[in-house]
Each structure stands twice: as C-alpha cells, then as structure tokens.
Amino acid sequence: MKHRILTALACGTLLASVSVAAPATAHGDYEPRPPKAGEPETIATGLNGPLSLEVDGRRVSFVTENFAGELSRIGRDGSVTTKVSAPGEEISAVSSSRGTVYYAQLTGGPEGYTASALMALEGDGEPREVADIFAYETESNPDQVNTYGFDGLTEECVAQVSEVNPQFAAVAEPYEGRIDSHPFATLPTRRGIFVADAGANAILRVQHDGTVSTVAVLPALAPVTVTAEIATSQELPDCVVGSTFTAEPVPTDVEWGPDGWLYVTSLPGGPEDASLGARGSVLKVNPWSGEVVTVATGFVGATNLAVSTRTGNIYVAELFGGEGGAGQVSVLTRGSTTPTPLIALPSPAAIELRKGKLYVTTNVFAPDAGEVVIVPLKEKYRGGGYHSFSDEDSASAETESEAETE
C-alpha cells in the first residue's frame, strides 16, 4: 500500500532478484570515514511542496513545486521564477541535460492518477510531451508480477478493516500490482531517460523517440507479521494480528553510480514512517540486465539520493528519519551497509550533490514554506584530515559515459 504520501506528498518485464552488496567503490586511496556537514545555507524559500530538484554545473537550479503544479527556476540570487504552471495537476521528477529540462506532469490525486507524461522544455519554448507514461503503464503494468497487501484475513476481518480504517480497504486482501503511475524522478542519458515510477514500482527507460520500456521491477518488500502493537499503531482491528502485510517498494529516485549501475531509493509503501521499522532502502539496478541488488536498508522515508563519484559515498534524504521523525540526511560511506546520520533537516525530500555541497529541499509539507538549502561537506582521506571538495559532482546526467557501456 502507498499511503499516498507521494500524492499528498500531492501525494518484456524483468522480475528482479535481490541480494545484499556493498555500495559502489571509488578511488583506491580513499578510506571510508563519515563525512562532516557544515552549516546549512538557505538559497530559496516560499516553495509549495518541493519534492524534486535539479542542479546543473552552473548552480542553476530547477525545482518542482508539486502541490502547486509548477516547475520553477532558482537563480543565483535566490529568485524563484515559474517556468511551467499546470494548476490542478502535479509537476514532478525534474532533471536536465544539454539545455533540456525534463519533468513529469500528472493528472489525479490521492485516489490515483489518471494521466502521467514525461515532458521536455528547451529554453523559453513551449513544453513538449516526450512520452505517455500512463499509457505504457495501462498497457504493460510491469509490477503485476508482484503480490502485495494483507494475507490471512477472514472475510469478516476484511470487512472490519474497511470499516475501522478505510485507507486500508484496498489492501485488505492480496492483490497483484495495479495500474498506477507516478513518475517521481528522471535521469537523462544519451540512450534515453530513466524514470523512477513510484506508482508502477518500476524503473523505466524512455527513448528519445518516446518509446517506453521496463528496465526493472522492484521486488515487493518482505512480508511483515502483524503484531498487536502494529495493529494498535495503525488503528486496525484485533483480527489482523497474526496476518502478514506485504508492502509495495515505491522507487523515488534514480542516479548513476561510479560502477555504471543505477542507484535507487525505495520509500517504501505505507506506512512510510517508522511504525513498522526503518524499511526504506537503497538499491542498485543493472540498467542492461534488470538485476536488482540491495545496497542497504534502515532508512525512514527514503525519498531521494545523491551518489559521490569521487568517494563512493551515498547521501539519502529521509523524510521521516531522525529524532521524532522530523527528518534527516544520512550517508552510506563506501563499503558500508549501515546508514549514518549526517545532519538533521526538517522534512527533506530532494537531494543533489554538486562540487562538494549538498542541495536539499526541506519543509516540504509546509504550504508555501518549502526551502532549498546548501550543506557544505568535508570528507576524510586516509592518513589525513577532513577536506572540502571543489571538483566533486554527483553521478547524474553529467556522467552519461556510464550509460554507454552495456
């Protein structure tokens, strides 16, 4: 189940195998040590649901204001200029490459989307549709190979669940992946645009001619046995105790890693807070075979990640992580499978790494109070002190050479 945090947060197919592996390696002279975060600097304010962010090499930022249905540009002086406005719809999944800005435009709301398209914007021109993502989902429904929901409930208990807590009604019985599309992140390359579709539970690739294909379906989460404590915390009837619940994986970002794999955050499906444990994950996906490997778990509301090509560190925005679930950014140092808290930030959603600095959207639930902040980083090399990096970039569209190796 998705509690539609990504909605109110405005809320063939390759079935992946899963194993656990260390994060991508980087240069041999680097000894992993937890980096240090400097004092955040706010560069933009007054945003409405900034769930997606793109920063190019010139520090020109694009941010989606999902709740307002707007794509905005953040200038060097912090000015916010609306580039695309679609009142009543959702704008999401922004990225850019070679002067073209890509984003997703969606129609629908908490009860489900009825349209989703990958769009492109060049300069001050009019947006154009690159691909109809929803049409592909309707035709292919990649995650129909997965089964989610409660298992082991009697008919009477299913009826009680629907009556006591209607938001669980749709998942009170086992179900195969349904038609649902919510592109949440994009990654442009020479061979197409990779899309993390949080509704389809899949990583897609859109070729530049608009052809859509499935790279990988993320596997369903391991079933959780419902205890009395879980039933109470989710306001569910006692009859669910002893049953199992299988959640959807919900991919929320896709980035290149130094090893040529795609790195993906999994939220996962509801509840997204820590009430069922820290179930969010970082996965890696082979873009050519569709193999999926678990890099690390232990995140709470993993909504975005940034991968350092220089150190192999992976930075993850945890929407509900940290003390009291207020939010934090964590880091996986190279070779680690356990996240380390880096800095507490209020409700962080999107994160990008450019030249030794993290760009993070925060306060994403507060109407017209969302922000973009810059967090300077210092990382440690073997035998030395901490150093700030001025030449570091995240693995993104700027490392498209990774996409050229099959």
Protein backbone atom coordinates (compact mmCIF):
# COMPACT_ATOMS: atom_id res chain seq x y z
CA MET A 1 0.00 0.00 0.00
CA LYS A 2 1.07 3.54 -0.67
CA HIS A 3 -0.46 5.85 1.89
CA ARG A 4 -0.20 8.35 -0.95
CA ILE A 5 2.50 10.30 0.81
CA LEU A 6 3.82 10.81 -2.65
CA THR A 7 0.42 12.17 -3.59
CA ALA A 8 -0.48 14.16 -0.52
CA LEU A 9 3.04 14.41 -0.77
CA ALA A 10 0.47 15.52 -3.58
CA CYS A 11 0.68 12.98 -2.92
CA GLY A 12 9.21 -7.55 -21.55
CA THR A 13 9.24 -7.08 -17.84
CA LEU A 14 12.25 -8.15 -15.78
CA LEU A 15 11.46 -9.51 -12.33
CA ALA A 16 14.43 -8.61 -10.17
CA SER A 17 16.44 -10.88 -7.94
CA VAL A 18 17.62 -9.45 -4.64
CA SER A 19 20.83 -9.82 -2.67
CA VAL A 20 22.87 -7.58 -0.41
CA ALA A 21 26.01 -5.88 -1.67
CA ALA A 22 28.29 -3.06 -0.67
CA PRO A 23 27.89 0.37 -2.28
CA ALA A 24 29.92 1.34 -5.30
CA THR A 25 33.65 1.61 -4.86
CA ALA A 26 35.60 4.73 -5.72
CA HIS A 27 39.29 5.64 -5.79
CA GLY A 28 41.65 3.23 -4.07
CA ASP A 29 43.28 5.94 -1.92
CA TYR A 30 40.10 6.69 -0.02
CA GLU A 31 39.48 5.21 3.40
CA PRO A 32 35.77 5.46 4.26
CA ARG A 33 35.06 7.77 7.18
CA PRO A 34 31.79 9.51 7.95
CA PRO A 35 31.82 12.96 6.34
CA LYS A 36 31.06 16.13 8.24
CA ALA A 37 28.30 18.55 7.35
CA GLY A 38 28.68 22.30 7.64
CA GLU A 39 26.06 24.89 8.48
CA PRO A 40 23.15 24.88 6.01
CA GLU A 41 22.64 27.98 3.88
CA THR A 42 19.13 28.75 2.64
CA ILE A 43 19.09 29.82 -1.02
CA ALA A 44 15.36 29.77 -1.78
CA THR A 45 12.16 29.98 0.24
CA GLY A 46 8.39 30.14 -0.27
CA LEU A 47 8.11 26.86 -2.20
CA ASN A 48 4.99 24.70 -2.21
CA GLY A 49 5.85 21.02 -1.91
CA PRO A 50 9.39 20.98 -3.42
CA LEU A 51 9.75 17.23 -3.93
CA SER A 52 12.18 17.22 -6.85
CA LEU A 53 15.34 19.22 -7.54
CA GLU A 54 17.93 19.57 -10.30
CA VAL A 55 21.21 21.48 -10.04
CA ASP A 56 23.42 21.88 -13.10
CA GLY A 57 27.11 22.70 -13.21
CA ARG A 58 26.42 26.45 -13.12
CA ARG A 59 24.35 26.21 -9.93
CA VAL A 60 21.20 26.98 -11.83
CA SER A 61 18.52 25.03 -10.02
CA PHE A 62 15.14 23.76 -11.11
CA VAL A 63 12.64 22.67 -8.50
CA THR A 64 9.18 21.18 -8.77
CA GLU A 65 6.52 22.67 -6.58
CA ASN A 66 4.39 19.54 -6.66
CA PHE A 67 1.49 20.86 -4.60
CA ALA A 68 1.17 23.95 -6.80
CA GLY A 69 1.67 22.19 -10.13
CA GLU A 70 4.68 24.33 -11.03
CA LEU A 71 8.21 23.95 -12.32
CA SER A 72 10.38 26.78 -11.04
CA ARG A 73 13.90 28.04 -11.70
CA ILE A 74 16.08 29.24 -8.85
CA GLY A 75 18.59 31.91 -9.86
CA ARG A 76 21.95 32.52 -8.29
CA ASP A 77 20.41 35.35 -6.30
CA GLY A 78 17.73 33.07 -4.86
CA SER A 79 14.98 34.41 -7.08
CA VAL A 80 12.27 31.90 -7.98
CA THR A 81 10.80 32.10 -11.48
CA THR A 82 7.91 29.94 -12.67
CA LYS A 83 8.80 28.14 -15.92
CA VAL A 84 5.77 25.83 -16.19
CA SER A 85 2.40 26.16 -14.49
CA ALA A 86 -0.31 23.48 -14.54
CA PRO A 87 -2.93 24.41 -11.92
CA GLY A 88 -4.76 21.40 -10.58
CA GLU A 89 -2.10 18.98 -11.80
CA GLU A 90 1.21 17.81 -10.35
CA ILE A 91 4.69 18.60 -11.67
CA SER A 92 7.41 16.20 -10.57
CA ALA A 93 10.66 14.40 -11.46
CA VAL A 94 12.81 17.25 -12.79
CA SER A 95 16.23 16.70 -14.39
CA SER A 96 18.24 18.31 -17.17
CA SER A 97 20.78 17.54 -19.87
CA ARG A 98 22.37 19.65 -22.62
CA GLY A 99 19.98 22.54 -22.17
CA THR A 100 16.81 20.44 -22.00
CA VAL A 101 14.83 20.23 -18.78
CA TYR A 102 12.79 17.06 -18.28
CA TYR A 103 9.89 16.67 -15.87
CA ALA A 104 6.72 14.67 -15.31
CA GLN A 105 3.21 16.11 -15.45
CA LEU A 106 0.42 14.18 -13.75
CA THR A 107 -3.35 14.39 -13.50
CA GLY A 108 -5.13 12.94 -10.49
CA GLY A 109 -4.75 12.95 -6.74
CA PRO A 110 -4.88 10.89 -3.56
CA GLU A 111 -7.22 8.29 -5.07
CA GLY A 112 -4.89 7.65 -8.00
CA TYR A 113 -3.54 9.25 -11.15
CA THR A 114 -5.37 9.18 -14.46
CA ALA A 115 -2.57 10.57 -16.62
CA SER A 116 1.22 10.93 -16.45
CA ALA A 117 3.57 12.16 -19.14
CA LEU A 118 7.28 12.81 -19.49
CA MET A 119 7.73 16.38 -20.70
CA ALA A 120 10.67 18.38 -22.06
CA LEU A 121 11.38 22.10 -22.00
CA GLU A 122 14.05 23.84 -24.08
CA GLY A 123 14.91 27.40 -23.10
CA ASP A 124 11.87 29.66 -23.15
CA GLY A 125 9.99 27.45 -25.59
CA GLU A 126 6.74 25.62 -25.01
CA PRO A 127 6.83 22.26 -23.20
CA ARG A 128 6.51 19.18 -25.39
CA GLU A 129 5.44 15.68 -24.50
CA VAL A 130 8.19 13.08 -24.81
CA ALA A 131 6.19 10.02 -23.77
CA ASP A 132 2.82 9.00 -22.33
CA ILE A 133 3.93 7.10 -19.25
CA PHE A 134 0.39 6.31 -18.11
CA ALA A 135 -0.45 4.71 -21.44
CA TYR A 136 2.57 2.42 -21.05
CA GLU A 137 1.53 1.54 -17.50
CA THR A 138 -2.01 0.79 -18.67
CA GLU A 139 -0.75 -1.48 -21.44
CA SER A 140 2.11 -3.22 -19.61
CA ASN A 141 1.55 -2.84 -15.84
CA PRO A 142 5.09 -4.09 -15.10
CA ASP A 143 4.60 -4.90 -11.41
CA GLN A 144 1.64 -7.20 -11.98
CA VAL A 145 4.22 -9.94 -11.30
CA ASN A 146 4.31 -8.83 -7.63
CA THR A 147 1.71 -9.55 -4.94
CA TYR A 148 1.09 -7.06 -2.15
CA GLY A 149 -1.34 -6.47 0.73
CA PHE A 150 -2.65 -8.39 3.73
CA ASP A 151 -2.70 -12.16 3.64
CA GLY A 152 -4.53 -14.44 6.04
CA LEU A 153 -7.59 -12.29 6.88
CA THR A 154 -11.05 -13.81 7.03
CA GLU A 155 -13.91 -12.25 5.08
CA GLU A 156 -15.26 -10.87 8.32
CA CYS A 157 -11.90 -9.33 9.19
CA VAL A 158 -11.59 -7.77 5.73
CA ALA A 159 -14.95 -6.10 6.32
CA GLN A 160 -13.81 -4.88 9.75
CA VAL A 161 -10.63 -3.41 8.31
CA SER A 162 -12.62 -1.48 5.71
CA GLU A 163 -14.97 -0.17 8.38
CA VAL A 164 -12.42 0.67 11.09
CA ASN A 165 -9.72 2.17 8.87
CA PRO A 166 -10.94 2.73 5.28
CA GLN A 167 -7.48 3.71 4.00
CA PHE A 168 -6.50 0.03 4.30
CA ALA A 169 -9.60 -1.24 2.50
CA ALA A 170 -7.88 -1.53 -0.88
CA VAL A 171 -5.09 -3.69 0.55
CA ALA A 172 -7.03 -5.85 2.98
CA GLU A 173 -6.61 -8.84 0.65
CA PRO A 174 -3.67 -9.94 -1.52
CA TYR A 175 -3.52 -8.12 -4.84
CA GLU A 176 -1.23 -8.07 -7.85
CA GLY A 177 0.38 -4.81 -8.92
CA ARG A 178 -2.32 -2.45 -10.11
CA ILE A 179 -2.32 0.13 -12.88
CA ASP A 180 -0.77 3.14 -11.19
CA SER A 181 1.82 5.61 -12.46
CA HIS A 182 3.62 8.35 -10.55
CA PRO A 183 6.96 9.31 -12.14
CA PHE A 184 8.97 10.66 -9.21
CA ALA A 185 12.49 11.03 -10.62
CA THR A 186 14.16 11.15 -14.04
CA LEU A 187 17.73 10.66 -15.25
CA PRO A 188 18.55 11.74 -18.83
CA THR A 189 21.29 9.95 -20.79
CA ARG A 190 22.32 9.64 -24.43
CA ARG A 191 20.35 6.43 -24.73
CA GLY A 192 17.18 7.70 -23.15
CA ILE A 193 15.68 8.98 -19.94
CA PHE A 194 15.45 6.63 -16.96
CA VAL A 195 12.33 7.10 -14.86
CA ALA A 196 11.71 6.01 -11.27
CA ASP A 197 7.95 5.43 -11.30
CA ALA A 198 6.69 5.32 -7.73
CA GLY A 199 3.26 4.13 -8.84
CA ALA A 200 4.43 1.43 -11.24
CA ASN A 201 7.08 0.23 -8.75
CA ALA A 202 9.49 0.05 -11.66
CA ILE A 203 12.43 1.73 -13.32
CA LEU A 204 11.53 2.64 -16.88
CA ARG A 205 13.53 3.89 -19.83
CA VAL A 206 12.10 6.38 -22.31
CA GLN A 207 13.99 6.57 -25.59
CA HIS A 208 14.25 9.95 -27.24
CA ASP A 209 11.63 8.93 -29.79
CA GLY A 210 9.14 8.36 -26.95
CA THR A 211 9.35 4.55 -26.79
CA VAL A 212 8.95 3.31 -23.20
CA SER A 213 10.32 0.05 -21.82
CA THR A 214 10.81 -1.56 -18.41
CA VAL A 215 14.35 -1.75 -17.05
CA ALA A 216 13.43 -3.49 -13.78
CA VAL A 217 10.51 -4.15 -11.49
CA LEU A 218 11.47 -3.63 -7.86
CA PRO A 219 10.60 -6.64 -5.70
CA ALA A 220 7.87 -6.44 -3.10
CA LEU A 221 9.06 -5.98 0.46
CA ALA A 222 9.40 -8.99 2.73
CA PRO A 223 6.10 -9.74 4.49
CA VAL A 224 5.68 -8.24 7.97
CA THR A 225 3.78 -10.26 10.57
CA VAL A 226 1.19 -8.00 12.18
CA THR A 227 1.55 -7.84 15.96
CA ALA A 228 -0.86 -6.37 18.46
CA GLU A 229 1.40 -3.32 18.69
CA ILE A 230 1.34 -2.80 14.93
CA ALA A 231 -2.43 -3.22 14.79
CA THR A 232 -2.86 -0.59 17.52
CA SER A 233 -0.42 1.86 15.90
CA GLN A 234 -2.23 1.59 12.55
CA GLU A 235 -5.71 1.74 14.11
CA LEU A 236 -6.62 -1.70 12.80
CA PRO A 237 -8.99 -4.26 14.37
CA ASP A 238 -7.59 -7.06 16.55
CA CYS A 239 -8.50 -9.66 13.95
CA VAL A 240 -5.49 -8.66 11.80
CA VAL A 241 -2.99 -9.83 14.44
CA GLY A 242 -1.05 -12.80 13.12
CA SER A 243 -1.67 -11.98 9.46
CA THR A 244 1.08 -10.72 7.15
CA PHE A 245 1.37 -7.49 5.22
CA THR A 246 3.49 -7.10 2.07
CA ALA A 247 4.26 -3.53 1.03
CA GLU A 248 4.99 -2.05 -2.38
CA PRO A 249 8.63 -0.96 -2.94
CA VAL A 250 7.90 2.59 -4.29
CA PRO A 251 11.06 3.83 -6.07
CA THR A 252 11.63 7.54 -5.50
CA ASP A 253 14.94 8.39 -7.21
CA VAL A 254 17.39 7.09 -9.80
CA GLU A 255 21.04 8.16 -10.20
CA TRP A 256 24.20 6.79 -11.84
CA GLY A 257 26.79 5.17 -9.60
CA PRO A 258 30.55 5.03 -10.23
CA ASP A 259 30.18 1.34 -11.11
CA GLY A 260 27.80 2.00 -14.01
CA TRP A 261 24.70 0.76 -12.16
CA LEU A 262 21.60 2.79 -11.40
CA TYR A 263 21.12 3.65 -7.73
CA VAL A 264 17.55 3.85 -6.47
CA THR A 265 15.81 4.82 -3.24
CA SER A 266 12.81 2.78 -2.08
CA LEU A 267 10.43 4.66 0.22
CA PRO A 268 8.70 2.02 0.61
CA GLY A 269 4.88 1.66 0.62
CA GLY A 270 2.87 2.69 3.65
CA PRO A 271 3.13 3.37 6.37
CA GLU A 272 6.19 5.36 5.41
CA ASP A 273 7.10 6.42 8.95
CA ALA A 274 8.94 4.23 11.45
CA SER A 275 5.84 2.49 12.83
CA LEU A 276 6.78 -0.75 11.01
CA GLY A 277 10.50 -0.12 11.37
CA ALA A 278 13.11 1.60 9.23
CA ARG A 279 12.16 -0.17 5.99
CA GLY A 280 13.48 2.27 3.40
CA SER A 281 16.33 1.05 1.21
CA VAL A 282 18.98 1.96 -1.31
CA LEU A 283 19.03 -0.46 -4.23
CA LYS A 284 21.17 -0.72 -7.32
CA VAL A 285 19.86 -1.77 -10.71
CA ASN A 286 21.83 -3.09 -13.66
CA PRO A 287 20.50 -0.89 -16.48
CA TRP A 288 21.03 -3.61 -19.10
CA SER A 289 20.01 -6.85 -17.36
CA GLY A 290 17.47 -5.50 -14.87
CA GLU A 291 19.15 -7.22 -11.91
CA VAL A 292 18.34 -5.56 -8.59
CA VAL A 293 20.70 -5.66 -5.61
CA THR A 294 20.01 -4.31 -2.13
CA VAL A 295 22.80 -1.95 -1.05
CA ALA A 296 21.47 -1.02 2.38
CA THR A 297 18.31 -0.77 4.45
CA GLY A 298 17.46 1.10 7.63
CA PHE A 299 16.06 4.37 6.22
CA VAL A 300 12.78 6.01 7.19
CA GLY A 301 11.01 7.56 4.20
CA ALA A 302 13.88 7.40 1.67
CA THR A 303 12.78 9.94 -0.94
CA ASN A 304 16.00 10.82 -2.81
CA LEU A 305 19.71 10.10 -3.01
CA ALA A 306 22.95 11.56 -4.32
CA VAL A 307 25.98 9.44 -5.21
CA SER A 308 29.52 10.81 -4.97
CA THR A 309 31.63 9.76 -7.95
CA ARG A 310 34.79 10.67 -6.06
CA THR A 311 34.29 8.89 -2.74
CA GLY A 312 31.51 6.38 -3.35
CA ASN A 313 29.50 7.92 -0.51
CA ILE A 314 25.73 7.80 -0.93
CA TYR A 315 23.63 10.56 0.65
CA VAL A 316 19.96 9.83 1.35
CA ALA A 317 17.12 12.19 2.25
CA GLU A 318 14.97 10.57 4.96
CA LEU A 319 11.66 12.36 5.04
CA PHE A 320 10.72 10.85 8.40
CA GLY A 321 14.16 9.98 9.72
CA GLY A 322 15.95 11.31 12.76
CA GLU A 323 14.70 12.29 16.18
CA GLY A 324 10.93 12.20 16.39
CA GLY A 325 10.70 11.51 12.68
CA ALA A 326 11.36 15.18 11.92
CA GLY A 327 13.71 14.41 9.03
CA GLN A 328 17.40 13.98 8.34
CA VAL A 329 20.02 13.30 5.69
CA SER A 330 22.04 10.12 6.18
CA VAL A 331 25.15 8.81 4.48
CA LEU A 332 26.39 5.40 3.42
CA THR A 333 30.17 5.54 3.33
CA ARG A 334 31.85 3.37 0.71
CA GLY A 335 31.66 -0.29 1.69
CA SER A 336 29.08 0.25 4.43
CA THR A 337 25.62 -1.29 4.56
CA THR A 338 24.54 0.76 7.58
CA PRO A 339 23.47 4.40 7.21
CA THR A 340 25.00 7.06 9.46
CA PRO A 341 23.03 10.22 10.31
CA LEU A 342 24.71 13.25 8.72
CA ILE A 343 22.51 16.24 9.53
CA ALA A 344 19.01 16.87 10.86
CA LEU A 345 16.89 18.83 8.39
CA PRO A 346 13.13 19.40 8.59
CA SER A 347 11.18 17.15 6.19
CA PRO A 348 13.86 16.79 3.48
CA ALA A 349 12.69 15.36 0.16
CA ALA A 350 15.09 16.01 -2.75
CA ILE A 351 18.87 15.97 -2.64
CA GLU A 352 21.62 16.70 -5.17
CA LEU A 353 25.42 16.77 -4.85
CA ARG A 354 27.48 19.33 -6.72
CA LYS A 355 31.10 20.30 -6.10
CA GLY A 356 31.25 19.14 -2.50
CA LYS A 357 27.90 20.59 -1.49
CA LEU A 358 24.53 19.00 -0.89
CA TYR A 359 21.48 20.83 -2.22
CA VAL A 360 18.39 19.73 -0.28
CA THR A 361 14.72 20.69 -0.35
CA THR A 362 13.21 20.98 3.13
CA ASN A 363 9.94 21.81 4.89
CA VAL A 364 8.12 20.10 2.05
CA PHE A 365 4.82 19.72 3.94
CA ALA A 366 4.52 23.38 4.94
CA PRO A 367 2.39 25.32 2.40
CA ASP A 368 4.47 27.98 0.63
CA ALA A 369 7.25 27.49 3.18
CA GLY A 370 9.43 24.91 1.46
CA GLU A 371 13.10 25.77 1.07
CA VAL A 372 16.24 24.80 -0.78
CA VAL A 373 19.35 24.72 1.40
CA ILE A 374 23.03 24.11 0.65
CA VAL A 375 25.01 21.92 3.05
CA PRO A 376 28.82 22.06 2.62
CA LEU A 377 30.63 18.74 3.08
CA LYS A 378 34.01 17.69 4.37
CA GLU A 379 35.26 14.14 3.81
CA LYS A 380 38.34 12.38 5.11
CA TYR A 381 41.13 10.65 3.23
CA ARG A 382 43.48 8.01 4.65
CA GLY A 383 46.07 9.47 6.98
CA GLY A 384 44.81 13.00 6.62
CA GLY A 385 42.26 15.44 7.91
CA TYR A 386 38.93 16.43 6.52
CA HIS A 387 38.89 18.19 3.17
CA SER A 388 36.29 20.14 1.27
CA PHE A 389 36.00 19.11 -2.38
CA SER A 390 35.60 21.72 -5.07
CA ASP A 391 35.60 19.35 -8.03
CA GLU A 392 33.11 16.73 -6.95
CA ASP A 393 29.88 16.09 -8.79
CA SER A 394 27.11 13.64 -8.15
CA ALA A 395 26.68 10.78 -10.58
CA SER A 396 23.92 12.11 -12.73
CA ALA A 397 23.28 13.14 -16.29
CA GLU A 398 26.76 14.67 -16.37
CA THR A 399 28.30 11.18 -16.17
CA GLU A 400 26.48 9.87 -19.19
CA SER A 401 29.50 7.87 -20.27
CA GLU A 402 28.33 5.27 -17.76
CA ALA A 403 25.26 4.71 -19.94
CA GLU A 404 27.35 3.83 -22.95
CA THR A 405 28.65 0.55 -21.53
CA GLU A 406 26.31 -2.41 -21.78
